[in-house]
Each structure stands twice: as structure tokens, then as C-alpha cells.
Amino acid sequence: MDAETFAHPNQLPTPARGDRVARTRAAIIGSALALALAGEVAPIVRDIAKMAGVSARTVFQHFADTAELYVAVLARVLATALGEMPDFSITWTLDERIAMIIHQCSERGERLLPMWTFVETLQRRSAEASDMIAQMYTANRVQLTQWFEHELAAMPAESRERTLNALAMALAPESWVVLRERLGLSVEQARDELGFIARAVLNGGALRA
């Protein structure tokens, strides 16, 4: 996955009224992101500045330190990775909803995969980054409640909570990293595994009802 997915600095739309400051800031963020996607856990300012076509001094005119820059990179990544889920129609079957959700989660996972070490390292070092990741998981759990509202409503409260927790864990980015990198599965194989897990979790919750 290359930086184009997250809007590389060379492809960013020109801000309204030729806002040079916004263009420069966006280019710096995009360059840091490109380096993170290339496997850099902590991209250095010299390389970021060179890629963005600015001086190191300019980087620090826009960001107090590298931690602030990295958080800005994470904000762009999460905004792009989360995206929007479809408004499910009541005519959609459970299998159709699971398939759509797995597709969305795999798309997000593939975007995050090349820079997952960067994300993990940053959230350990930055309280702000950690809060952003936590908000992503909270948003995902809320979405899962909406996606499977009918199935969850039929379960006792305890089963409903355990089912939601299991689904949230199975569909978290870490699970995609394990399937793709640790187990070496292809995208299609990883999707099949997540679909199997999601169905098993929901069926297990239904059986406890």
C-alpha cells in the first residue's frame, strides 16, 4: 500500500485561495506518512523535509516537535482508514452484512498494515495518539452495535456484551496484522477467516440466548 491511498503531498488538492501555509503543512504530513508507509518507525526530520521540498527549519515552524507531526500523520491515517459504512437495508441478510463489513475491515487493515509498527509505537509514546486509537475502537464498537442490531437484540444482556467484545476484537486492525503478517495469509484468505470468526461469534451468542 503506497502513500497515494492517504493522499500523497504531490497529489493533495490545492487549498482554497492558494493557502501556502496549508499546502506546506499538508506536504510535510504527507511526506512523513510516505516514510512511515515505507517502514520507518520514526521518520527523521531531515528525510521528511527533503521529500516535502522544504527545510528542516520549516518543518519545526509548522510542528513543535516530531511527536506533534506524528500525531498529525495518525489523524490523517485514521480519517482515511475509517471511512463510512453503508446504511444497511433491512432486506440485507446476515451473510451479506458480514461480507460487507469484512470487506470494509480488510480495506482498512490493508491501509494500516505497512505502517502498523509506526502506529503501535506512537500510541505507546503519545497520550494523544493513544486517545485517538481508543476513539477508533469505540466508534467501531458503536458501528458493530448498529450493523448487528437485530441479532444482538435477541440475546440476553450478558451474551450481547460478550458477543460485541468478541466481534470488536476479531475485527480490530491487530487481527488483520496477525492474519496477513504472522500467518502469511492472502487478502482473500484473511477475509474468509474473519468471516468464519464473525459467523461463529454471532452464532455462539445466539445459542446462549
N, C-alpha and C. Protein backbone atom coordinates (compact mmCIF):
# COMPACT_ATOMS: atom_id res chain seq x y z
N MET A 1 0.86 -1.20 0.00
CA MET A 1 0.00 0.00 0.00
C MET A 1 0.89 1.23 0.00
N ASP A 2 0.73 2.13 -0.96
CA ASP A 2 1.58 3.31 -1.02
C ASP A 2 0.87 4.52 -0.45
N ALA A 3 1.59 5.61 -0.41
CA ALA A 3 1.07 6.82 0.23
C ALA A 3 -0.07 7.44 -0.54
N GLU A 4 -0.30 7.01 -1.79
CA GLU A 4 -1.39 7.59 -2.57
C GLU A 4 -2.73 7.36 -1.90
N THR A 5 -2.84 6.24 -1.19
CA THR A 5 -4.09 5.92 -0.51
C THR A 5 -4.47 7.02 0.48
N PHE A 6 -3.47 7.63 1.08
CA PHE A 6 -3.71 8.66 2.08
C PHE A 6 -3.47 10.06 1.54
N ALA A 7 -3.46 10.20 0.23
CA ALA A 7 -3.25 11.49 -0.42
C ALA A 7 -1.81 11.96 -0.27
N HIS A 8 -0.94 11.50 -1.16
CA HIS A 8 0.46 11.89 -1.17
C HIS A 8 0.56 13.39 -1.37
N PRO A 9 1.58 14.06 -0.81
CA PRO A 9 1.69 15.51 -0.92
C PRO A 9 1.65 16.02 -2.35
N ASN A 10 2.17 15.24 -3.30
CA ASN A 10 2.15 15.69 -4.68
C ASN A 10 0.76 15.62 -5.30
N GLN A 11 -0.17 14.97 -4.62
CA GLN A 11 -1.50 14.80 -5.18
C GLN A 11 -2.57 15.45 -4.33
N LEU A 12 -2.17 16.20 -3.33
CA LEU A 12 -3.14 16.85 -2.46
C LEU A 12 -3.84 17.98 -3.20
N PRO A 13 -5.15 18.16 -3.00
CA PRO A 13 -5.85 19.27 -3.63
C PRO A 13 -5.32 20.59 -3.11
N THR A 14 -5.25 21.59 -3.98
CA THR A 14 -4.76 22.90 -3.58
C THR A 14 -5.76 23.56 -2.65
N PRO A 15 -5.34 23.98 -1.45
CA PRO A 15 -6.26 24.63 -0.52
C PRO A 15 -6.86 25.89 -1.12
N ALA A 16 -8.03 26.25 -0.68
CA ALA A 16 -8.73 27.43 -1.19
C ALA A 16 -7.86 28.67 -1.05
N ARG A 17 -7.95 29.56 -2.04
CA ARG A 17 -7.25 30.85 -2.06
C ARG A 17 -5.73 30.67 -1.95
N GLY A 18 -5.25 29.58 -2.51
CA GLY A 18 -3.81 29.38 -2.57
C GLY A 18 -3.12 29.48 -1.23
N ASP A 19 -3.68 28.85 -0.27
CA ASP A 19 -3.13 28.92 1.09
C ASP A 19 -1.79 28.19 1.16
N ARG A 20 -0.71 28.93 1.08
CA ARG A 20 0.62 28.35 1.06
C ARG A 20 0.95 27.62 2.35
N VAL A 21 0.54 28.17 3.46
CA VAL A 21 0.82 27.55 4.76
C VAL A 21 0.16 26.18 4.84
N ALA A 22 -1.10 26.11 4.41
CA ALA A 22 -1.81 24.82 4.45
C ALA A 22 -1.17 23.82 3.50
N ARG A 23 -0.73 24.29 2.33
CA ARG A 23 -0.08 23.39 1.37
C ARG A 23 1.21 22.83 1.93
N THR A 24 1.98 23.69 2.56
CA THR A 24 3.26 23.25 3.12
C THR A 24 3.04 22.25 4.25
N ARG A 25 2.11 22.56 5.12
CA ARG A 25 1.81 21.65 6.24
C ARG A 25 1.35 20.29 5.71
N ALA A 26 0.48 20.31 4.71
CA ALA A 26 -0.03 19.06 4.14
C ALA A 26 1.10 18.27 3.49
N ALA A 27 2.03 18.97 2.83
CA ALA A 27 3.15 18.29 2.20
C ALA A 27 4.06 17.63 3.24
N ILE A 28 4.27 18.29 4.36
CA ILE A 28 5.11 17.74 5.43
C ILE A 28 4.45 16.49 6.01
N ILE A 29 3.15 16.58 6.28
CA ILE A 29 2.42 15.41 6.82
C ILE A 29 2.47 14.26 5.82
N GLY A 30 2.23 14.58 4.55
CA GLY A 30 2.24 13.55 3.53
C GLY A 30 3.59 12.88 3.37
N SER A 31 4.65 13.65 3.51
CA SER A 31 5.99 13.09 3.40
C SER A 31 6.30 12.18 4.58
N ALA A 32 5.93 12.61 5.79
CA ALA A 32 6.14 11.76 6.97
C ALA A 32 5.34 10.47 6.85
N LEU A 33 4.16 10.58 6.29
CA LEU A 33 3.32 9.40 6.09
C LEU A 33 3.94 8.45 5.08
N ALA A 34 4.46 9.00 3.99
CA ALA A 34 5.09 8.16 2.98
C ALA A 34 6.26 7.38 3.56
N LEU A 35 7.04 8.02 4.42
CA LEU A 35 8.16 7.34 5.06
C LEU A 35 7.68 6.28 6.04
N ALA A 36 6.60 6.56 6.75
CA ALA A 36 6.04 5.56 7.67
C ALA A 36 5.54 4.35 6.89
N LEU A 37 4.92 4.60 5.75
CA LEU A 37 4.43 3.51 4.90
C LEU A 37 5.59 2.68 4.33
N ALA A 38 6.74 3.33 4.21
CA ALA A 38 7.93 2.62 3.71
C ALA A 38 8.62 1.82 4.80
N GLY A 39 8.08 1.88 6.01
CA GLY A 39 8.62 1.08 7.10
C GLY A 39 9.38 1.84 8.16
N GLU A 40 9.45 3.16 8.03
CA GLU A 40 10.14 3.96 9.04
C GLU A 40 9.28 4.08 10.29
N VAL A 41 9.78 3.60 11.42
CA VAL A 41 9.03 3.66 12.67
C VAL A 41 9.02 5.08 13.23
N ALA A 42 10.12 5.81 13.00
CA ALA A 42 10.23 7.19 13.48
C ALA A 42 10.95 8.02 12.41
N PRO A 43 10.22 8.41 11.36
CA PRO A 43 10.85 9.17 10.27
C PRO A 43 11.58 10.40 10.81
N ILE A 44 12.80 10.63 10.31
CA ILE A 44 13.58 11.76 10.80
C ILE A 44 13.26 13.02 10.01
N VAL A 45 13.42 14.15 10.66
CA VAL A 45 13.02 15.43 10.07
C VAL A 45 13.77 15.71 8.78
N ARG A 46 15.07 15.38 8.72
CA ARG A 46 15.84 15.64 7.51
C ARG A 46 15.21 14.98 6.29
N ASP A 47 14.81 13.72 6.45
CA ASP A 47 14.21 12.99 5.33
C ASP A 47 12.82 13.52 4.99
N ILE A 48 12.06 13.86 6.03
CA ILE A 48 10.72 14.41 5.81
C ILE A 48 10.82 15.72 5.04
N ALA A 49 11.72 16.60 5.47
CA ALA A 49 11.88 17.90 4.83
C ALA A 49 12.31 17.74 3.38
N LYS A 50 13.27 16.85 3.14
CA LYS A 50 13.76 16.64 1.77
C LYS A 50 12.63 16.18 0.86
N MET A 51 11.83 15.23 1.31
CA MET A 51 10.74 14.72 0.50
C MET A 51 9.68 15.79 0.25
N ALA A 52 9.44 16.63 1.25
CA ALA A 52 8.42 17.68 1.13
C ALA A 52 8.93 18.90 0.36
N GLY A 53 10.24 18.95 0.12
CA GLY A 53 10.79 20.08 -0.61
C GLY A 53 10.92 21.34 0.23
N VAL A 54 11.13 21.15 1.54
CA VAL A 54 11.29 22.29 2.44
C VAL A 54 12.52 22.07 3.31
N SER A 55 12.82 23.03 4.14
CA SER A 55 13.95 22.89 5.05
C SER A 55 13.48 22.28 6.37
N ALA A 56 14.43 21.75 7.14
CA ALA A 56 14.10 21.21 8.45
C ALA A 56 13.52 22.31 9.35
N ARG A 57 14.04 23.51 9.18
CA ARG A 57 13.53 24.64 9.96
C ARG A 57 12.06 24.87 9.67
N THR A 58 11.68 24.73 8.41
CA THR A 58 10.27 24.93 8.04
C THR A 58 9.38 23.89 8.72
N VAL A 59 9.88 22.66 8.82
CA VAL A 59 9.10 21.61 9.49
C VAL A 59 8.76 22.04 10.91
N PHE A 60 9.75 22.59 11.61
CA PHE A 60 9.53 22.98 13.00
C PHE A 60 8.79 24.31 13.14
N GLN A 61 8.61 25.00 12.04
CA GLN A 61 7.74 26.18 12.06
C GLN A 61 6.27 25.76 12.05
N HIS A 62 6.01 24.56 11.55
CA HIS A 62 4.64 24.05 11.47
C HIS A 62 4.31 23.09 12.61
N PHE A 63 5.32 22.46 13.18
CA PHE A 63 5.10 21.48 14.25
C PHE A 63 6.11 21.73 15.37
N ALA A 64 5.63 21.69 16.59
CA ALA A 64 6.51 21.96 17.74
C ALA A 64 7.61 20.93 17.85
N ASP A 65 7.30 19.67 17.53
CA ASP A 65 8.29 18.61 17.57
C ASP A 65 7.80 17.46 16.71
N THR A 66 8.62 16.40 16.62
CA THR A 66 8.22 15.27 15.77
C THR A 66 6.99 14.55 16.32
N ALA A 67 6.83 14.55 17.63
CA ALA A 67 5.65 13.90 18.21
C ALA A 67 4.36 14.54 17.69
N GLU A 68 4.34 15.87 17.64
CA GLU A 68 3.15 16.56 17.13
C GLU A 68 2.93 16.23 15.66
N LEU A 69 4.01 16.15 14.89
CA LEU A 69 3.91 15.79 13.48
C LEU A 69 3.38 14.37 13.31
N TYR A 70 3.90 13.44 14.10
CA TYR A 70 3.45 12.05 14.00
C TYR A 70 1.96 11.91 14.33
N VAL A 71 1.51 12.68 15.31
CA VAL A 71 0.08 12.64 15.67
C VAL A 71 -0.77 13.16 14.51
N ALA A 72 -0.27 14.19 13.81
CA ALA A 72 -0.99 14.71 12.65
C ALA A 72 -1.05 13.65 11.55
N VAL A 73 0.03 12.88 11.40
CA VAL A 73 0.04 11.78 10.43
C VAL A 73 -1.00 10.75 10.81
N LEU A 74 -1.03 10.38 12.09
CA LEU A 74 -2.00 9.39 12.55
C LEU A 74 -3.43 9.87 12.32
N ALA A 75 -3.68 11.16 12.56
CA ALA A 75 -5.02 11.71 12.35
C ALA A 75 -5.45 11.54 10.91
N ARG A 76 -4.53 11.78 9.97
CA ARG A 76 -4.88 11.62 8.56
C ARG A 76 -5.15 10.16 8.23
N VAL A 77 -4.30 9.28 8.76
CA VAL A 77 -4.46 7.85 8.50
C VAL A 77 -5.81 7.35 9.00
N LEU A 78 -6.17 7.69 10.23
CA LEU A 78 -7.41 7.20 10.82
C LEU A 78 -8.62 7.78 10.09
N ALA A 79 -8.55 9.04 9.70
CA ALA A 79 -9.67 9.65 8.99
C ALA A 79 -9.92 8.93 7.67
N THR A 80 -8.83 8.52 7.00
CA THR A 80 -8.96 7.83 5.73
C THR A 80 -9.34 6.37 5.92
N ALA A 81 -8.75 5.74 6.93
CA ALA A 81 -8.95 4.31 7.14
C ALA A 81 -10.35 3.98 7.61
N LEU A 82 -10.93 4.84 8.44
CA LEU A 82 -12.26 4.54 8.97
C LEU A 82 -13.32 4.62 7.90
N GLY A 83 -13.31 5.73 7.13
CA GLY A 83 -14.28 5.86 6.06
C GLY A 83 -15.71 5.84 6.56
N GLU A 84 -16.62 5.53 5.67
CA GLU A 84 -18.04 5.46 6.02
C GLU A 84 -18.60 4.10 5.64
N MET A 85 -19.38 3.54 6.53
CA MET A 85 -20.02 2.27 6.25
C MET A 85 -21.38 2.51 5.63
N PRO A 86 -21.85 1.58 4.82
CA PRO A 86 -23.16 1.75 4.19
C PRO A 86 -24.30 1.70 5.19
N ASP A 87 -25.39 2.32 4.84
CA ASP A 87 -26.59 2.27 5.67
C ASP A 87 -27.33 0.99 5.30
N PHE A 88 -27.21 -0.01 6.15
CA PHE A 88 -27.76 -1.31 5.81
C PHE A 88 -29.29 -1.29 5.71
N SER A 89 -29.77 -1.88 4.67
CA SER A 89 -31.21 -2.02 4.49
C SER A 89 -31.68 -3.24 5.28
N ILE A 90 -32.93 -3.21 5.72
CA ILE A 90 -33.46 -4.35 6.46
C ILE A 90 -33.59 -5.59 5.57
N THR A 91 -33.45 -5.41 4.25
CA THR A 91 -33.55 -6.55 3.34
C THR A 91 -32.22 -7.28 3.21
N TRP A 92 -31.15 -6.72 3.77
CA TRP A 92 -29.86 -7.39 3.69
C TRP A 92 -29.84 -8.58 4.64
N THR A 93 -29.33 -9.69 4.16
CA THR A 93 -29.22 -10.87 5.01
C THR A 93 -28.00 -10.73 5.92
N LEU A 94 -27.93 -11.59 6.92
CA LEU A 94 -26.79 -11.57 7.83
C LEU A 94 -25.49 -11.83 7.06
N ASP A 95 -25.50 -12.80 6.16
CA ASP A 95 -24.29 -13.10 5.40
C ASP A 95 -23.85 -11.92 4.54
N GLU A 96 -24.82 -11.20 3.98
CA GLU A 96 -24.48 -10.03 3.16
C GLU A 96 -23.87 -8.93 4.02
N ARG A 97 -24.42 -8.74 5.20
CA ARG A 97 -23.86 -7.72 6.09
C ARG A 97 -22.46 -8.10 6.57
N ILE A 98 -22.28 -9.36 6.90
CA ILE A 98 -20.95 -9.81 7.32
C ILE A 98 -19.95 -9.62 6.19
N ALA A 99 -20.34 -9.98 4.97
CA ALA A 99 -19.43 -9.85 3.83
C ALA A 99 -19.03 -8.40 3.62
N MET A 100 -19.99 -7.48 3.73
CA MET A 100 -19.68 -6.08 3.54
C MET A 100 -18.76 -5.55 4.64
N ILE A 101 -19.03 -5.95 5.87
CA ILE A 101 -18.21 -5.50 6.99
C ILE A 101 -16.78 -6.03 6.87
N ILE A 102 -16.65 -7.30 6.50
CA ILE A 102 -15.33 -7.89 6.34
C ILE A 102 -14.57 -7.17 5.23
N HIS A 103 -15.27 -6.83 4.17
CA HIS A 103 -14.63 -6.10 3.08
C HIS A 103 -14.11 -4.76 3.57
N GLN A 104 -14.93 -4.03 4.32
CA GLN A 104 -14.52 -2.72 4.83
C GLN A 104 -13.34 -2.85 5.79
N CYS A 105 -13.41 -3.84 6.67
CA CYS A 105 -12.33 -4.03 7.66
C CYS A 105 -11.02 -4.43 6.97
N SER A 106 -11.12 -5.23 5.93
CA SER A 106 -9.91 -5.64 5.21
C SER A 106 -9.30 -4.46 4.46
N GLU A 107 -10.15 -3.59 3.91
CA GLU A 107 -9.63 -2.40 3.24
C GLU A 107 -8.88 -1.52 4.24
N ARG A 108 -9.47 -1.33 5.42
CA ARG A 108 -8.81 -0.55 6.46
C ARG A 108 -7.52 -1.22 6.90
N GLY A 109 -7.57 -2.54 7.08
CA GLY A 109 -6.39 -3.27 7.52
C GLY A 109 -5.24 -3.17 6.54
N GLU A 110 -5.55 -3.25 5.25
CA GLU A 110 -4.51 -3.15 4.25
C GLU A 110 -3.88 -1.76 4.22
N ARG A 111 -4.67 -0.74 4.50
CA ARG A 111 -4.12 0.61 4.56
C ARG A 111 -3.17 0.78 5.74
N LEU A 112 -3.54 0.18 6.85
CA LEU A 112 -2.74 0.34 8.07
C LEU A 112 -1.56 -0.62 8.14
N LEU A 113 -1.63 -1.73 7.43
CA LEU A 113 -0.64 -2.79 7.55
C LEU A 113 0.81 -2.33 7.37
N PRO A 114 1.13 -1.55 6.32
CA PRO A 114 2.54 -1.19 6.11
C PRO A 114 3.12 -0.32 7.22
N MET A 115 2.24 0.37 7.97
CA MET A 115 2.75 1.30 8.98
C MET A 115 2.24 0.94 10.37
N TRP A 116 1.88 -0.31 10.58
CA TRP A 116 1.31 -0.68 11.87
C TRP A 116 2.31 -0.53 13.01
N THR A 117 3.59 -0.84 12.74
CA THR A 117 4.61 -0.67 13.78
C THR A 117 4.72 0.79 14.18
N PHE A 118 4.63 1.69 13.21
CA PHE A 118 4.65 3.13 13.48
C PHE A 118 3.47 3.51 14.38
N VAL A 119 2.28 2.98 14.06
CA VAL A 119 1.08 3.30 14.84
C VAL A 119 1.20 2.77 16.26
N GLU A 120 1.64 1.53 16.40
CA GLU A 120 1.79 0.94 17.74
C GLU A 120 2.81 1.70 18.57
N THR A 121 3.93 2.03 17.96
CA THR A 121 4.98 2.76 18.69
C THR A 121 4.49 4.13 19.11
N LEU A 122 3.79 4.81 18.22
CA LEU A 122 3.31 6.16 18.52
C LEU A 122 2.30 6.16 19.65
N GLN A 123 1.39 5.21 19.67
CA GLN A 123 0.38 5.23 20.72
C GLN A 123 0.97 4.89 22.09
N ARG A 124 2.11 4.22 22.11
CA ARG A 124 2.79 3.97 23.39
C ARG A 124 3.50 5.22 23.89
N ARG A 125 3.91 6.07 22.97
CA ARG A 125 4.70 7.24 23.34
C ARG A 125 3.87 8.52 23.48
N SER A 126 2.68 8.52 22.94
CA SER A 126 1.87 9.74 22.94
C SER A 126 0.48 9.47 23.50
N ALA A 127 0.13 10.19 24.56
CA ALA A 127 -1.20 10.04 25.15
C ALA A 127 -2.27 10.47 24.15
N GLU A 128 -1.97 11.51 23.36
CA GLU A 128 -2.94 11.99 22.37
C GLU A 128 -3.19 10.92 21.30
N ALA A 129 -2.12 10.29 20.85
CA ALA A 129 -2.27 9.23 19.86
C ALA A 129 -3.03 8.05 20.44
N SER A 130 -2.72 7.70 21.68
CA SER A 130 -3.42 6.60 22.34
C SER A 130 -4.91 6.89 22.44
N ASP A 131 -5.26 8.14 22.75
CA ASP A 131 -6.67 8.53 22.83
C ASP A 131 -7.35 8.41 21.47
N MET A 132 -6.63 8.77 20.40
CA MET A 132 -7.19 8.68 19.06
C MET A 132 -7.49 7.24 18.67
N ILE A 133 -6.57 6.35 19.02
CA ILE A 133 -6.78 4.93 18.74
C ILE A 133 -7.97 4.41 19.54
N ALA A 134 -8.05 4.81 20.81
CA ALA A 134 -9.15 4.38 21.66
C ALA A 134 -10.49 4.84 21.09
N GLN A 135 -10.52 6.06 20.56
CA GLN A 135 -11.74 6.58 19.96
C GLN A 135 -12.13 5.78 18.73
N MET A 136 -11.12 5.31 17.97
CA MET A 136 -11.41 4.48 16.81
C MET A 136 -12.09 3.19 17.22
N TYR A 137 -11.57 2.55 18.29
CA TYR A 137 -12.17 1.30 18.76
C TYR A 137 -13.58 1.53 19.30
N THR A 138 -13.78 2.64 19.98
CA THR A 138 -15.11 2.96 20.48
C THR A 138 -16.08 3.15 19.32
N ALA A 139 -15.65 3.87 18.29
CA ALA A 139 -16.50 4.09 17.12
C ALA A 139 -16.82 2.76 16.43
N ASN A 140 -15.83 1.88 16.35
CA ASN A 140 -16.05 0.58 15.72
C ASN A 140 -17.09 -0.23 16.49
N ARG A 141 -17.02 -0.18 17.81
CA ARG A 141 -17.96 -0.95 18.63
C ARG A 141 -19.39 -0.42 18.45
N VAL A 142 -19.51 0.91 18.38
CA VAL A 142 -20.83 1.51 18.15
C VAL A 142 -21.37 1.06 16.79
N GLN A 143 -20.51 1.04 15.78
CA GLN A 143 -20.94 0.61 14.46
C GLN A 143 -21.37 -0.86 14.46
N LEU A 144 -20.63 -1.69 15.18
CA LEU A 144 -21.00 -3.10 15.26
C LEU A 144 -22.37 -3.27 15.88
N THR A 145 -22.68 -2.46 16.88
CA THR A 145 -23.99 -2.50 17.51
C THR A 145 -25.09 -2.19 16.49
N GLN A 146 -24.81 -1.25 15.60
CA GLN A 146 -25.79 -0.88 14.58
C GLN A 146 -25.88 -1.94 13.48
N TRP A 147 -24.73 -2.46 13.06
CA TRP A 147 -24.71 -3.44 11.98
C TRP A 147 -25.47 -4.72 12.33
N PHE A 148 -25.35 -5.14 13.60
CA PHE A 148 -25.97 -6.39 14.02
C PHE A 148 -27.06 -6.15 15.06
N GLU A 149 -27.76 -5.07 14.91
CA GLU A 149 -28.79 -4.69 15.88
C GLU A 149 -29.83 -5.79 16.07
N HIS A 150 -30.31 -6.37 14.99
CA HIS A 150 -31.36 -7.39 15.08
C HIS A 150 -30.85 -8.62 15.83
N GLU A 151 -29.66 -9.11 15.48
CA GLU A 151 -29.12 -10.32 16.12
C GLU A 151 -28.80 -10.07 17.58
N LEU A 152 -28.24 -8.93 17.89
CA LEU A 152 -27.87 -8.62 19.27
C LEU A 152 -29.09 -8.42 20.16
N ALA A 153 -30.14 -7.83 19.59
CA ALA A 153 -31.34 -7.55 20.37
C ALA A 153 -31.98 -8.84 20.88
N ALA A 154 -31.75 -9.93 20.19
CA ALA A 154 -32.36 -11.21 20.57
C ALA A 154 -31.58 -11.93 21.67
N MET A 155 -30.43 -11.37 22.06
CA MET A 155 -29.58 -12.02 23.05
C MET A 155 -29.79 -11.41 24.43
N PRO A 156 -29.56 -12.18 25.49
CA PRO A 156 -29.55 -11.62 26.85
C PRO A 156 -28.44 -10.58 26.95
N ALA A 157 -28.55 -9.67 27.88
CA ALA A 157 -27.59 -8.57 28.01
C ALA A 157 -26.15 -9.06 28.10
N GLU A 158 -25.92 -10.08 28.94
CA GLU A 158 -24.55 -10.57 29.11
C GLU A 158 -23.99 -11.15 27.82
N SER A 159 -24.80 -11.94 27.13
CA SER A 159 -24.36 -12.52 25.85
C SER A 159 -24.13 -11.44 24.81
N ARG A 160 -24.97 -10.42 24.84
CA ARG A 160 -24.83 -9.32 23.88
C ARG A 160 -23.49 -8.62 24.07
N GLU A 161 -23.12 -8.33 25.32
CA GLU A 161 -21.87 -7.65 25.59
C GLU A 161 -20.67 -8.52 25.21
N ARG A 162 -20.74 -9.79 25.53
CA ARG A 162 -19.63 -10.68 25.21
C ARG A 162 -19.49 -10.86 23.70
N THR A 163 -20.60 -10.90 23.01
CA THR A 163 -20.58 -11.02 21.56
C THR A 163 -19.98 -9.78 20.92
N LEU A 164 -20.38 -8.61 21.42
CA LEU A 164 -19.83 -7.36 20.91
C LEU A 164 -18.32 -7.28 21.15
N ASN A 165 -17.89 -7.68 22.33
CA ASN A 165 -16.47 -7.66 22.65
C ASN A 165 -15.68 -8.58 21.73
N ALA A 166 -16.23 -9.77 21.48
CA ALA A 166 -15.55 -10.74 20.62
C ALA A 166 -15.48 -10.24 19.18
N LEU A 167 -16.57 -9.64 18.70
CA LEU A 167 -16.57 -9.10 17.34
C LEU A 167 -15.57 -7.96 17.21
N ALA A 168 -15.56 -7.07 18.21
CA ALA A 168 -14.65 -5.93 18.17
C ALA A 168 -13.19 -6.40 18.15
N MET A 169 -12.89 -7.45 18.91
CA MET A 169 -11.54 -7.98 18.93
C MET A 169 -11.19 -8.63 17.60
N ALA A 170 -12.12 -9.40 17.05
CA ALA A 170 -11.86 -10.10 15.79
C ALA A 170 -11.67 -9.15 14.62
N LEU A 171 -12.38 -8.02 14.64
CA LEU A 171 -12.33 -7.09 13.53
C LEU A 171 -11.40 -5.91 13.77
N ALA A 172 -10.60 -5.98 14.83
CA ALA A 172 -9.63 -4.92 15.11
C ALA A 172 -8.47 -5.00 14.14
N PRO A 173 -7.78 -3.89 13.89
CA PRO A 173 -6.63 -3.91 12.97
C PRO A 173 -5.57 -4.93 13.36
N GLU A 174 -5.37 -5.14 14.66
CA GLU A 174 -4.36 -6.12 15.10
C GLU A 174 -4.64 -7.51 14.55
N SER A 175 -5.92 -7.87 14.47
CA SER A 175 -6.27 -9.19 13.94
C SER A 175 -5.87 -9.32 12.48
N TRP A 176 -6.04 -8.23 11.74
CA TRP A 176 -5.65 -8.25 10.32
C TRP A 176 -4.14 -8.40 10.20
N VAL A 177 -3.39 -7.75 11.07
CA VAL A 177 -1.93 -7.86 11.06
C VAL A 177 -1.52 -9.31 11.32
N VAL A 178 -2.16 -9.95 12.28
CA VAL A 178 -1.84 -11.34 12.61
C VAL A 178 -2.13 -12.25 11.42
N LEU A 179 -3.29 -12.09 10.81
CA LEU A 179 -3.67 -12.94 9.68
C LEU A 179 -2.75 -12.75 8.48
N ARG A 180 -2.42 -11.49 8.19
CA ARG A 180 -1.64 -11.19 6.98
C ARG A 180 -0.14 -11.38 7.18
N GLU A 181 0.39 -10.92 8.31
CA GLU A 181 1.84 -10.96 8.51
C GLU A 181 2.31 -12.16 9.32
N ARG A 182 1.61 -12.46 10.40
CA ARG A 182 2.06 -13.56 11.26
C ARG A 182 1.72 -14.92 10.64
N LEU A 183 0.52 -15.04 10.08
CA LEU A 183 0.10 -16.31 9.48
C LEU A 183 0.36 -16.36 7.98
N GLY A 184 0.68 -15.23 7.38
CA GLY A 184 1.03 -15.20 5.96
C GLY A 184 -0.11 -15.47 5.02
N LEU A 185 -1.34 -15.13 5.41
CA LEU A 185 -2.50 -15.38 4.55
C LEU A 185 -2.63 -14.28 3.49
N SER A 186 -3.24 -14.65 2.36
CA SER A 186 -3.54 -13.66 1.33
C SER A 186 -4.73 -12.82 1.81
N VAL A 187 -5.01 -11.75 1.09
CA VAL A 187 -6.16 -10.91 1.46
C VAL A 187 -7.45 -11.73 1.46
N GLU A 188 -7.65 -12.53 0.41
CA GLU A 188 -8.88 -13.32 0.33
C GLU A 188 -8.95 -14.37 1.44
N GLN A 189 -7.83 -15.00 1.73
CA GLN A 189 -7.80 -15.99 2.82
C GLN A 189 -8.10 -15.33 4.16
N ALA A 190 -7.53 -14.15 4.38
CA ALA A 190 -7.76 -13.43 5.64
C ALA A 190 -9.22 -13.02 5.75
N ARG A 191 -9.81 -12.59 4.65
CA ARG A 191 -11.24 -12.23 4.66
C ARG A 191 -12.09 -13.45 5.00
N ASP A 192 -11.75 -14.58 4.42
CA ASP A 192 -12.51 -15.81 4.71
C ASP A 192 -12.43 -16.16 6.19
N GLU A 193 -11.23 -16.02 6.78
CA GLU A 193 -11.07 -16.34 8.19
C GLU A 193 -11.89 -15.39 9.06
N LEU A 194 -11.87 -14.11 8.75
CA LEU A 194 -12.64 -13.15 9.54
C LEU A 194 -14.14 -13.41 9.40
N GLY A 195 -14.58 -13.77 8.20
CA GLY A 195 -15.99 -14.09 8.01
C GLY A 195 -16.39 -15.30 8.84
N PHE A 196 -15.53 -16.31 8.86
CA PHE A 196 -15.79 -17.51 9.67
C PHE A 196 -15.89 -17.15 11.14
N ILE A 197 -14.96 -16.32 11.61
CA ILE A 197 -14.95 -15.92 13.02
C ILE A 197 -16.20 -15.12 13.37
N ALA A 198 -16.57 -14.17 12.51
CA ALA A 198 -17.75 -13.33 12.78
C ALA A 198 -19.01 -14.18 12.88
N ARG A 199 -19.16 -15.14 11.96
CA ARG A 199 -20.35 -16.01 12.00
C ARG A 199 -20.34 -16.87 13.26
N ALA A 200 -19.18 -17.39 13.61
CA ALA A 200 -19.07 -18.25 14.81
C ALA A 200 -19.42 -17.44 16.07
N VAL A 201 -18.93 -16.22 16.14
CA VAL A 201 -19.22 -15.37 17.32
C VAL A 201 -20.71 -15.07 17.43
N LEU A 202 -21.32 -14.69 16.31
CA LEU A 202 -22.75 -14.37 16.33
C LEU A 202 -23.60 -15.59 16.60
N ASN A 203 -23.23 -16.71 16.03
CA ASN A 203 -23.98 -17.95 16.30
C ASN A 203 -23.83 -18.38 17.75
N GLY A 204 -22.62 -18.20 18.30
CA GLY A 204 -22.41 -18.55 19.70
C GLY A 204 -23.24 -17.69 20.62
N GLY A 205 -23.34 -16.39 20.30
CA GLY A 205 -24.16 -15.50 21.10
C GLY A 205 -25.63 -15.87 21.02
N ALA A 206 -26.05 -16.28 19.83
CA ALA A 206 -27.45 -16.68 19.65
C ALA A 206 -27.77 -17.94 20.45
N LEU A 207 -26.83 -18.86 20.50
CA LEU A 207 -27.05 -20.11 21.23
C LEU A 207 -27.14 -19.87 22.74
N ARG A 208 -26.48 -18.81 23.22
CA ARG A 208 -26.56 -18.50 24.66
C ARG A 208 -27.83 -17.76 25.02
N ALA A 209 -28.59 -17.35 23.99
CA ALA A 209 -29.81 -16.57 24.23
C ALA A 209 -30.85 -17.44 24.92
